[in-house]
Amino acid sequence: MATTKYEVTYIIKPDVDEESKQALVERYDNVLNQNGSEVVESKDWGKKRFAYEMNKYREGTYHIVVVNAENADAINEFDRLAKIDSAILRSMTVKIEA
């Protein structure tokens, strides 16, 4: 079966301390790995100011993960968990065409 490449971007609240942020990133990288995908790259884009206010925040820390997956199970599990995690403001997944 062919693998598909995805780019997952999520925004972490700016008031999350560095240690908690690292734990959060590791947790979500593990969620993606344990559900049948391979994390190719996981990088921090740093703190950026928003064009508009989101949940009473004017800035957030962006994190980008590139994954290879044979099916969307890992992506679906990430989306489910990210929606209920109070430390994540927004997330977006994009399928990368090869």
PDB file of N, CA and C in Angstrom:
ATOM      1  N   MET A   1       0.842  -1.183   0.000  1.00  0.00           N
ATOM      2  CA  MET A   1       0.000   0.000   0.000  1.00  0.00           C
ATOM      3  C   MET A   1       0.885   1.244   0.000  1.00  0.00           C
ATOM      4  N   ALA A   2       0.479   2.239  -0.745  1.00  0.00           N
ATOM      5  CA  ALA A   2       1.268   3.472  -0.866  1.00  0.00           C
ATOM      6  C   ALA A   2       1.092   4.350   0.371  1.00  0.00           C
ATOM      7  N   THR A   3       2.167   5.036   0.723  1.00  0.00           N
ATOM      8  CA  THR A   3       2.088   5.941   1.869  1.00  0.00           C
ATOM      9  C   THR A   3       1.752   7.344   1.388  1.00  0.00           C
ATOM     10  N   THR A   4       1.102   8.072   2.246  1.00  0.00           N
ATOM     11  CA  THR A   4       0.727   9.445   1.979  1.00  0.00           C
ATOM     12  C   THR A   4       1.463  10.340   2.954  1.00  0.00           C
ATOM     13  N   LYS A   5       1.906  11.486   2.469  1.00  0.00           N
ATOM     14  CA  LYS A   5       2.630  12.430   3.318  1.00  0.00           C
ATOM     15  C   LYS A   5       1.654  13.514   3.772  1.00  0.00           C
ATOM     16  N   TYR A   6       1.656  13.794   5.077  1.00  0.00           N
ATOM     17  CA  TYR A   6       0.800  14.818   5.667  1.00  0.00           C
ATOM     18  C   TYR A   6       1.649  15.838   6.413  1.00  0.00           C
ATOM     19  N   GLU A   7       1.170  17.068   6.455  1.00  0.00           N
ATOM     20  CA  GLU A   7       1.785  18.095   7.287  1.00  0.00           C
ATOM     21  C   GLU A   7       0.748  18.520   8.314  1.00  0.00           C
ATOM     22  N   VAL A   8       1.077  18.326   9.583  1.00  0.00           N
ATOM     23  CA  VAL A   8       0.180  18.670  10.678  1.00  0.00           C
ATOM     24  C   VAL A   8       0.745  19.908  11.370  1.00  0.00           C
ATOM     25  N   THR A   9      -0.050  20.966  11.419  1.00  0.00           N
ATOM     26  CA  THR A   9       0.360  22.196  12.095  1.00  0.00           C
ATOM     27  C   THR A   9      -0.591  22.421  13.261  1.00  0.00           C
ATOM     28  N   TYR A  10      -0.028  22.695  14.420  1.00  0.00           N
ATOM     29  CA  TYR A  10      -0.883  23.033  15.553  1.00  0.00           C
ATOM     30  C   TYR A  10      -0.287  24.192  16.332  1.00  0.00           C
ATOM     31  N   ILE A  11      -1.185  24.941  16.989  1.00  0.00           N
ATOM     32  CA  ILE A  11      -0.794  26.135  17.736  1.00  0.00           C
ATOM     33  C   ILE A  11      -1.007  25.872  19.221  1.00  0.00           C
ATOM     34  N   ILE A  12       0.070  26.036  19.983  1.00  0.00           N
ATOM     35  CA  ILE A  12       0.039  25.814  21.429  1.00  0.00           C
ATOM     36  C   ILE A  12      -0.139  27.160  22.120  1.00  0.00           C
ATOM     37  N   LYS A  13      -0.928  27.187  23.182  1.00  0.00           N
ATOM     38  CA  LYS A  13      -1.149  28.425  23.937  1.00  0.00           C
ATOM     39  C   LYS A  13       0.188  29.033  24.377  1.00  0.00           C
ATOM     40  N   PRO A  14       0.303  30.357  24.360  1.00  0.00           N
ATOM     41  CA  PRO A  14       1.580  30.993  24.696  1.00  0.00           C
ATOM     42  C   PRO A  14       1.942  30.913  26.176  1.00  0.00           C
ATOM     43  N   ASP A  15       0.984  30.660  27.049  1.00  0.00           N
ATOM     44  CA  ASP A  15       1.287  30.618  28.479  1.00  0.00           C
ATOM     45  C   ASP A  15       1.696  29.230  28.977  1.00  0.00           C
ATOM     46  N   VAL A  16       1.857  28.269  28.057  1.00  0.00           N
ATOM     47  CA  VAL A  16       2.341  26.944  28.425  1.00  0.00           C
ATOM     48  C   VAL A  16       3.857  27.034  28.583  1.00  0.00           C
ATOM     49  N   ASP A  17       4.372  26.579  29.747  1.00  0.00           N
ATOM     50  CA  ASP A  17       5.821  26.679  29.980  1.00  0.00           C
ATOM     51  C   ASP A  17       6.581  25.702  29.080  1.00  0.00           C
ATOM     52  N   GLU A  18       7.882  25.938  28.945  1.00  0.00           N
ATOM     53  CA  GLU A  18       8.729  25.183  28.009  1.00  0.00           C
ATOM     54  C   GLU A  18       8.718  23.673  28.285  1.00  0.00           C
ATOM     55  N   GLU A  19       8.780  23.298  29.540  1.00  0.00           N
ATOM     56  CA  GLU A  19       8.796  21.874  29.898  1.00  0.00           C
ATOM     57  C   GLU A  19       7.480  21.193  29.511  1.00  0.00           C
ATOM     58  N   SER A  20       6.366  21.854  29.771  1.00  0.00           N
ATOM     59  CA  SER A  20       5.055  21.297  29.416  1.00  0.00           C
ATOM     60  C   SER A  20       4.877  21.244  27.908  1.00  0.00           C
ATOM     61  N   LYS A  21       5.414  22.245  27.223  1.00  0.00           N
ATOM     62  CA  LYS A  21       5.325  22.277  25.759  1.00  0.00           C
ATOM     63  C   LYS A  21       6.093  21.101  25.161  1.00  0.00           C
ATOM     64  N   GLN A  22       7.291  20.824  25.670  1.00  0.00           N
ATOM     65  CA  GLN A  22       8.077  19.690  25.187  1.00  0.00           C
ATOM     66  C   GLN A  22       7.347  18.374  25.429  1.00  0.00           C
ATOM     67  N   ALA A  23       6.731  18.232  26.598  1.00  0.00           N
ATOM     68  CA  ALA A  23       5.966  17.017  26.918  1.00  0.00           C
ATOM     69  C   ALA A  23       4.775  16.869  25.972  1.00  0.00           C
ATOM     70  N   LEU A  24       4.110  17.975  25.656  1.00  0.00           N
ATOM     71  CA  LEU A  24       2.963  17.965  24.750  1.00  0.00           C
ATOM     72  C   LEU A  24       3.397  17.542  23.350  1.00  0.00           C
ATOM     73  N   VAL A  25       4.487  18.102  22.858  1.00  0.00           N
ATOM     74  CA  VAL A  25       4.994  17.765  21.526  1.00  0.00           C
ATOM     75  C   VAL A  25       5.381  16.289  21.463  1.00  0.00           C
ATOM     76  N   GLU A  26       6.069  15.800  22.472  1.00  0.00           N
ATOM     77  CA  GLU A  26       6.451  14.384  22.513  1.00  0.00           C
ATOM     78  C   GLU A  26       5.226  13.485  22.552  1.00  0.00           C
ATOM     79  N   ARG A  27       4.223  13.897  23.316  1.00  0.00           N
ATOM     80  CA  ARG A  27       2.997  13.102  23.416  1.00  0.00           C
ATOM     81  C   ARG A  27       2.311  12.967  22.061  1.00  0.00           C
ATOM     82  N   TYR A  28       2.200  14.084  21.339  1.00  0.00           N
ATOM     83  CA  TYR A  28       1.529  14.036  20.041  1.00  0.00           C
ATOM     84  C   TYR A  28       2.378  13.338  18.974  1.00  0.00           C
ATOM     85  N   ASP A  29       3.699  13.461  19.041  1.00  0.00           N
ATOM     86  CA  ASP A  29       4.556  12.694  18.134  1.00  0.00           C
ATOM     87  C   ASP A  29       4.369  11.203  18.387  1.00  0.00           C
ATOM     88  N   ASN A  30       4.263  10.800  19.657  1.00  0.00           N
ATOM     89  CA  ASN A  30       4.034   9.394  20.005  1.00  0.00           C
ATOM     90  C   ASN A  30       2.661   8.915  19.552  1.00  0.00           C
ATOM     91  N   VAL A  31       1.651   9.774  19.666  1.00  0.00           N
ATOM     92  CA  VAL A  31       0.302   9.413  19.194  1.00  0.00           C
ATOM     93  C   VAL A  31       0.351   9.102  17.706  1.00  0.00           C
ATOM     94  N   LEU A  32       1.053   9.938  16.953  1.00  0.00           N
ATOM     95  CA  LEU A  32       1.157   9.705  15.510  1.00  0.00           C
ATOM     96  C   LEU A  32       1.934   8.420  15.215  1.00  0.00           C
ATOM     97  N   ASN A  33       3.036   8.193  15.925  1.00  0.00           N
ATOM     98  CA  ASN A  33       3.837   6.979  15.710  1.00  0.00           C
ATOM     99  C   ASN A  33       3.088   5.712  16.096  1.00  0.00           C
ATOM    100  N   GLN A  34       2.379   5.736  17.206  1.00  0.00           N
ATOM    101  CA  GLN A  34       1.720   4.533  17.715  1.00  0.00           C
ATOM    102  C   GLN A  34       0.473   4.147  16.928  1.00  0.00           C
ATOM    103  N   ASN A  35      -0.012   5.061  16.098  1.00  0.00           N
ATOM    104  CA  ASN A  35      -1.222   4.761  15.330  1.00  0.00           C
ATOM    105  C   ASN A  35      -0.923   4.493  13.854  1.00  0.00           C
ATOM    106  N   GLY A  36       0.292   4.078  13.576  1.00  0.00           N
ATOM    107  CA  GLY A  36       0.608   3.598  12.234  1.00  0.00           C
ATOM    108  C   GLY A  36       1.211   4.604  11.278  1.00  0.00           C
ATOM    109  N   SER A  37       1.751   5.690  11.752  1.00  0.00           N
ATOM    110  CA  SER A  37       2.423   6.625  10.854  1.00  0.00           C
ATOM    111  C   SER A  37       3.876   6.794  11.296  1.00  0.00           C
ATOM    112  N   GLU A  38       4.671   7.381  10.438  1.00  0.00           N
ATOM    113  CA  GLU A  38       6.081   7.627  10.723  1.00  0.00           C
ATOM    114  C   GLU A  38       6.313   9.136  10.743  1.00  0.00           C
ATOM    115  N   VAL A  39       6.787   9.653  11.867  1.00  0.00           N
ATOM    116  CA  VAL A  39       7.093  11.077  11.970  1.00  0.00           C
ATOM    117  C   VAL A  39       8.424  11.319  11.268  1.00  0.00           C
ATOM    118  N   VAL A  40       8.377  12.094  10.172  1.00  0.00           N
ATOM    119  CA  VAL A  40       9.568  12.390   9.389  1.00  0.00           C
ATOM    120  C   VAL A  40      10.288  13.596   9.983  1.00  0.00           C
ATOM    121  N   GLU A  41       9.507  14.605  10.374  1.00  0.00           N
ATOM    122  CA  GLU A  41      10.087  15.842  10.904  1.00  0.00           C
ATOM    123  C   GLU A  41       9.111  16.452  11.900  1.00  0.00           C
ATOM    124  N   SER A  42       9.644  16.948  13.001  1.00  0.00           N
ATOM    125  CA  SER A  42       8.839  17.613  14.015  1.00  0.00           C
ATOM    126  C   SER A  42       9.618  18.847  14.456  1.00  0.00           C
ATOM    127  N   LYS A  43       9.125  20.018  14.068  1.00  0.00           N
ATOM    128  CA  LYS A  43       9.892  21.227  14.365  1.00  0.00           C
ATOM    129  C   LYS A  43       9.016  22.338  14.935  1.00  0.00           C
ATOM    130  N   ASP A  44       9.661  23.131  15.754  1.00  0.00           N
ATOM    131  CA  ASP A  44       9.013  24.265  16.403  1.00  0.00           C
ATOM    132  C   ASP A  44       9.227  25.503  15.545  1.00  0.00           C
ATOM    133  N   TRP A  45       8.151  26.203  15.208  1.00  0.00           N
ATOM    134  CA  TRP A  45       8.248  27.437  14.425  1.00  0.00           C
ATOM    135  C   TRP A  45       8.369  28.658  15.312  1.00  0.00           C
ATOM    136  N   GLY A  46       8.181  28.479  16.587  1.00  0.00           N
ATOM    137  CA  GLY A  46       8.304  29.593  17.516  1.00  0.00           C
ATOM    138  C   GLY A  46       6.990  30.322  17.745  1.00  0.00           C
ATOM    139  N   LYS A  47       7.083  31.357  18.552  1.00  0.00           N
ATOM    140  CA  LYS A  47       5.906  32.134  18.935  1.00  0.00           C
ATOM    141  C   LYS A  47       5.626  33.193  17.872  1.00  0.00           C
ATOM    142  N   LYS A  48       4.390  33.239  17.406  1.00  0.00           N
ATOM    143  CA  LYS A  48       3.969  34.189  16.367  1.00  0.00           C
ATOM    144  C   LYS A  48       2.730  34.936  16.837  1.00  0.00           C
ATOM    145  N   ARG A  49       2.604  36.163  16.375  1.00  0.00           N
ATOM    146  CA  ARG A  49       1.427  36.988  16.674  1.00  0.00           C
ATOM    147  C   ARG A  49       0.336  36.662  15.666  1.00  0.00           C
ATOM    148  N   PHE A  50      -0.913  36.571  16.140  1.00  0.00           N
ATOM    149  CA  PHE A  50      -2.058  36.277  15.283  1.00  0.00           C
ATOM    150  C   PHE A  50      -2.580  37.545  14.609  1.00  0.00           C
ATOM    151  N   ALA A  51      -3.258  37.367  13.511  1.00  0.00           N
ATOM    152  CA  ALA A  51      -3.913  38.483  12.836  1.00  0.00           C
ATOM    153  C   ALA A  51      -5.174  38.897  13.603  1.00  0.00           C
ATOM    154  N   TYR A  52      -5.747  37.971  14.348  1.00  0.00           N
ATOM    155  CA  TYR A  52      -6.941  38.249  15.152  1.00  0.00           C
ATOM    156  C   TYR A  52      -6.864  37.416  16.428  1.00  0.00           C
ATOM    157  N   GLU A  53      -7.666  37.750  17.393  1.00  0.00           N
ATOM    158  CA  GLU A  53      -7.658  37.075  18.680  1.00  0.00           C
ATOM    159  C   GLU A  53      -8.325  35.702  18.577  1.00  0.00           C
ATOM    160  N   MET A  54      -7.679  34.691  19.193  1.00  0.00           N
ATOM    161  CA  MET A  54      -8.236  33.346  19.267  1.00  0.00           C
ATOM    162  C   MET A  54      -8.334  32.944  20.728  1.00  0.00           C
ATOM    163  N   ASN A  55      -9.522  32.689  21.205  1.00  0.00           N
ATOM    164  CA  ASN A  55      -9.737  32.270  22.598  1.00  0.00           C
ATOM    165  C   ASN A  55      -9.035  33.195  23.589  1.00  0.00           C
ATOM    166  N   LYS A  56      -9.118  34.484  23.353  1.00  0.00           N
ATOM    167  CA  LYS A  56      -8.540  35.530  24.208  1.00  0.00           C
ATOM    168  C   LYS A  56      -7.014  35.573  24.161  1.00  0.00           C
ATOM    169  N   TYR A  57      -6.397  34.962  23.150  1.00  0.00           N
ATOM    170  CA  TYR A  57      -4.945  35.008  22.978  1.00  0.00           C
ATOM    171  C   TYR A  57      -4.614  35.765  21.703  1.00  0.00           C
ATOM    172  N   ARG A  58      -3.543  36.560  21.747  1.00  0.00           N
ATOM    173  CA  ARG A  58      -3.092  37.326  20.591  1.00  0.00           C
ATOM    174  C   ARG A  58      -1.876  36.697  19.925  1.00  0.00           C
ATOM    175  N   GLU A  59      -1.275  35.644  20.546  1.00  0.00           N
ATOM    176  CA  GLU A  59      -0.131  34.954  19.966  1.00  0.00           C
ATOM    177  C   GLU A  59      -0.136  33.498  20.414  1.00  0.00           C
ATOM    178  N   GLY A  60       0.661  32.690  19.734  1.00  0.00           N
ATOM    179  CA  GLY A  60       0.762  31.278  20.080  1.00  0.00           C
ATOM    180  C   GLY A  60       2.029  30.683  19.515  1.00  0.00           C
ATOM    181  N   THR A  61       2.385  29.500  19.985  1.00  0.00           N
ATOM    182  CA  THR A  61       3.572  28.801  19.525  1.00  0.00           C
ATOM    183  C   THR A  61       3.169  27.786  18.465  1.00  0.00           C
ATOM    184  N   TYR A  62       3.719  27.927  17.284  1.00  0.00           N
ATOM    185  CA  TYR A  62       3.412  27.042  16.168  1.00  0.00           C
ATOM    186  C   TYR A  62       4.349  25.837  16.182  1.00  0.00           C
ATOM    187  N   HIS A  63       3.795  24.664  15.899  1.00  0.00           N
ATOM    188  CA  HIS A  63       4.596  23.450  15.776  1.00  0.00           C
ATOM    189  C   HIS A  63       4.125  22.702  14.534  1.00  0.00           C
ATOM    190  N   ILE A  64       5.097  22.219  13.747  1.00  0.00           N
ATOM    191  CA  ILE A  64       4.787  21.535  12.488  1.00  0.00           C
ATOM    192  C   ILE A  64       5.372  20.131  12.517  1.00  0.00           C
ATOM    193  N   VAL A  65       4.552  19.168  12.104  1.00  0.00           N
ATOM    194  CA  VAL A  65       4.980  17.763  12.057  1.00  0.00           C
ATOM    195  C   VAL A  65       4.683  17.237  10.652  1.00  0.00           C
ATOM    196  N   VAL A  66       5.690  16.619  10.034  1.00  0.00           N
ATOM    197  CA  VAL A  66       5.515  15.969   8.733  1.00  0.00           C
ATOM    198  C   VAL A  66       5.506  14.473   8.991  1.00  0.00           C
ATOM    199  N   VAL A  67       4.466  13.791   8.502  1.00  0.00           N
ATOM    200  CA  VAL A  67       4.331  12.347   8.733  1.00  0.00           C
ATOM    201  C   VAL A  67       4.044  11.610   7.435  1.00  0.00           C
ATOM    202  N   ASN A  68       4.487  10.365   7.378  1.00  0.00           N
ATOM    203  CA  ASN A  68       4.116   9.434   6.315  1.00  0.00           C
ATOM    204  C   ASN A  68       3.162   8.433   6.932  1.00  0.00           C
ATOM    205  N   ALA A  69       2.047   8.192   6.257  1.00  0.00           N
ATOM    206  CA  ALA A  69       1.058   7.253   6.792  1.00  0.00           C
ATOM    207  C   ALA A  69       0.432   6.449   5.663  1.00  0.00           C
ATOM    208  N   GLU A  70       0.149   5.178   5.945  1.00  0.00           N
ATOM    209  CA  GLU A  70      -0.515   4.331   4.958  1.00  0.00           C
ATOM    210  C   GLU A  70      -2.020   4.565   4.944  1.00  0.00           C
ATOM    211  N   ASN A  71      -2.568   4.955   6.094  1.00  0.00           N
ATOM    212  CA  ASN A  71      -3.984   5.301   6.168  1.00  0.00           C
ATOM    213  C   ASN A  71      -4.123   6.500   7.114  1.00  0.00           C
ATOM    214  N   ALA A  72      -5.323   6.978   7.266  1.00  0.00           N
ATOM    215  CA  ALA A  72      -5.542   8.203   8.038  1.00  0.00           C
ATOM    216  C   ALA A  72      -5.828   7.947   9.518  1.00  0.00           C
ATOM    217  N   ASP A  73      -5.611   6.747  10.013  1.00  0.00           N
ATOM    218  CA  ASP A  73      -5.910   6.445  11.416  1.00  0.00           C
ATOM    219  C   ASP A  73      -5.146   7.341  12.387  1.00  0.00           C
ATOM    220  N   ALA A  74      -3.855   7.520  12.147  1.00  0.00           N
ATOM    221  CA  ALA A  74      -3.033   8.351  13.037  1.00  0.00           C
ATOM    222  C   ALA A  74      -3.482   9.812  12.986  1.00  0.00           C
ATOM    223  N   ILE A  75      -3.780  10.296  11.800  1.00  0.00           N
ATOM    224  CA  ILE A  75      -4.221  11.685  11.631  1.00  0.00           C
ATOM    225  C   ILE A  75      -5.562  11.900  12.328  1.00  0.00           C
ATOM    226  N   ASN A  76      -6.466  10.955  12.171  1.00  0.00           N
ATOM    227  CA  ASN A  76      -7.781  11.065  12.819  1.00  0.00           C
ATOM    228  C   ASN A  76      -7.655  11.057  14.341  1.00  0.00           C
ATOM    229  N   GLU A  77      -6.773  10.215  14.866  1.00  0.00           N
ATOM    230  CA  GLU A  77      -6.570  10.162  16.319  1.00  0.00           C
ATOM    231  C   GLU A  77      -5.941  11.463  16.818  1.00  0.00           C
ATOM    232  N   PHE A  78      -4.979  12.002  16.074  1.00  0.00           N
ATOM    233  CA  PHE A  78      -4.381  13.285  16.438  1.00  0.00           C
ATOM    234  C   PHE A  78      -5.459  14.372  16.483  1.00  0.00           C
ATOM    235  N   ASP A  79      -6.271  14.452  15.437  1.00  0.00           N
ATOM    236  CA  ASP A  79      -7.335  15.471  15.382  1.00  0.00           C
ATOM    237  C   ASP A  79      -8.298  15.341  16.553  1.00  0.00           C
ATOM    238  N   ARG A  80      -8.670  14.112  16.871  1.00  0.00           N
ATOM    239  CA  ARG A  80      -9.603  13.880  17.980  1.00  0.00           C
ATOM    240  C   ARG A  80      -9.011  14.384  19.296  1.00  0.00           C
ATOM    241  N   LEU A  81      -7.751  14.033  19.557  1.00  0.00           N
ATOM    242  CA  LEU A  81      -7.116  14.440  20.810  1.00  0.00           C
ATOM    243  C   LEU A  81      -6.824  15.938  20.852  1.00  0.00           C
ATOM    244  N   ALA A  82      -6.442  16.516  19.723  1.00  0.00           N
ATOM    245  CA  ALA A  82      -6.117  17.951  19.681  1.00  0.00           C
ATOM    246  C   ALA A  82      -7.360  18.809  19.937  1.00  0.00           C
ATOM    247  N   LYS A  83      -8.515  18.332  19.508  1.00  0.00           N
ATOM    248  CA  LYS A  83      -9.746  19.103  19.711  1.00  0.00           C
ATOM    249  C   LYS A  83     -10.158  19.177  21.180  1.00  0.00           C
ATOM    250  N   ILE A  84      -9.774  18.179  21.972  1.00  0.00           N
ATOM    251  CA  ILE A  84     -10.178  18.189  23.377  1.00  0.00           C
ATOM    252  C   ILE A  84      -9.054  18.636  24.303  1.00  0.00           C
ATOM    253  N   ASP A  85      -7.867  18.905  23.753  1.00  0.00           N
ATOM    254  CA  ASP A  85      -6.725  19.348  24.567  1.00  0.00           C
ATOM    255  C   ASP A  85      -6.810  20.866  24.759  1.00  0.00           C
ATOM    256  N   SER A  86      -6.843  21.293  26.011  1.00  0.00           N
ATOM    257  CA  SER A  86      -6.987  22.725  26.297  1.00  0.00           C
ATOM    258  C   SER A  86      -5.722  23.526  25.989  1.00  0.00           C
ATOM    259  N   ALA A  87      -4.579  22.870  25.814  1.00  0.00           N
ATOM    260  CA  ALA A  87      -3.326  23.577  25.530  1.00  0.00           C
ATOM    261  C   ALA A  87      -3.159  23.901  24.043  1.00  0.00           C
ATOM    262  N   ILE A  88      -3.982  23.307  23.181  1.00  0.00           N
ATOM    263  CA  ILE A  88      -3.893  23.548  21.741  1.00  0.00           C
ATOM    264  C   ILE A  88      -5.037  24.458  21.314  1.00  0.00           C
ATOM    265  N   LEU A  89      -4.668  25.583  20.691  1.00  0.00           N
ATOM    266  CA  LEU A  89      -5.665  26.547  20.231  1.00  0.00           C
ATOM    267  C   LEU A  89      -6.301  26.106  18.905  1.00  0.00           C
ATOM    268  N   ARG A  90      -5.477  25.714  17.940  1.00  0.00           N
ATOM    269  CA  ARG A  90      -5.966  25.299  16.622  1.00  0.00           C
ATOM    270  C   ARG A  90      -5.025  24.231  16.071  1.00  0.00           C
ATOM    271  N   SER A  91      -5.559  23.429  15.141  1.00  0.00           N
ATOM    272  CA  SER A  91      -4.710  22.488  14.411  1.00  0.00           C
ATOM    273  C   SER A  91      -5.233  22.373  12.984  1.00  0.00           C
ATOM    274  N   MET A  92      -4.317  22.032  12.094  1.00  0.00           N
ATOM    275  CA  MET A  92      -4.683  21.883  10.689  1.00  0.00           C
ATOM    276  C   MET A  92      -3.818  20.787  10.075  1.00  0.00           C
ATOM    277  N   THR A  93      -4.423  19.921   9.285  1.00  0.00           N
ATOM    278  CA  THR A  93      -3.699  18.849   8.621  1.00  0.00           C
ATOM    279  C   THR A  93      -3.854  19.028   7.111  1.00  0.00           C
ATOM    280  N   VAL A  94      -2.735  18.956   6.411  1.00  0.00           N
ATOM    281  CA  VAL A  94      -2.726  19.118   4.953  1.00  0.00           C
ATOM    282  C   VAL A  94      -2.067  17.902   4.335  1.00  0.00           C
ATOM    283  N   LYS A  95      -2.701  17.360   3.307  1.00  0.00           N
ATOM    284  CA  LYS A  95      -2.117  16.244   2.566  1.00  0.00           C
ATOM    285  C   LYS A  95      -1.148  16.825   1.539  1.00  0.00           C
ATOM    286  N   ILE A  96       0.094  16.339   1.557  1.00  0.00           N
ATOM    287  CA  ILE A  96       1.120  16.846   0.643  1.00  0.00           C
ATOM    288  C   ILE A  96       1.144  15.957  -0.592  1.00  0.00           C
ATOM    289  N   GLU A  97       0.913  16.542  -1.747  1.00  0.00           N
ATOM    290  CA  GLU A  97       0.950  15.793  -3.006  1.00  0.00           C
ATOM    291  C   GLU A  97       2.405  15.613  -3.423  1.00  0.00           C
ATOM    292  N   ALA A  98       2.738  14.389  -3.845  1.00  0.00           N
ATOM    293  CA  ALA A  98       4.124  14.100  -4.233  1.00  0.00           C
ATOM    294  C   ALA A  98       4.376  14.453  -5.676  1.00  0.00           C
TER     295      ALA A  98
END
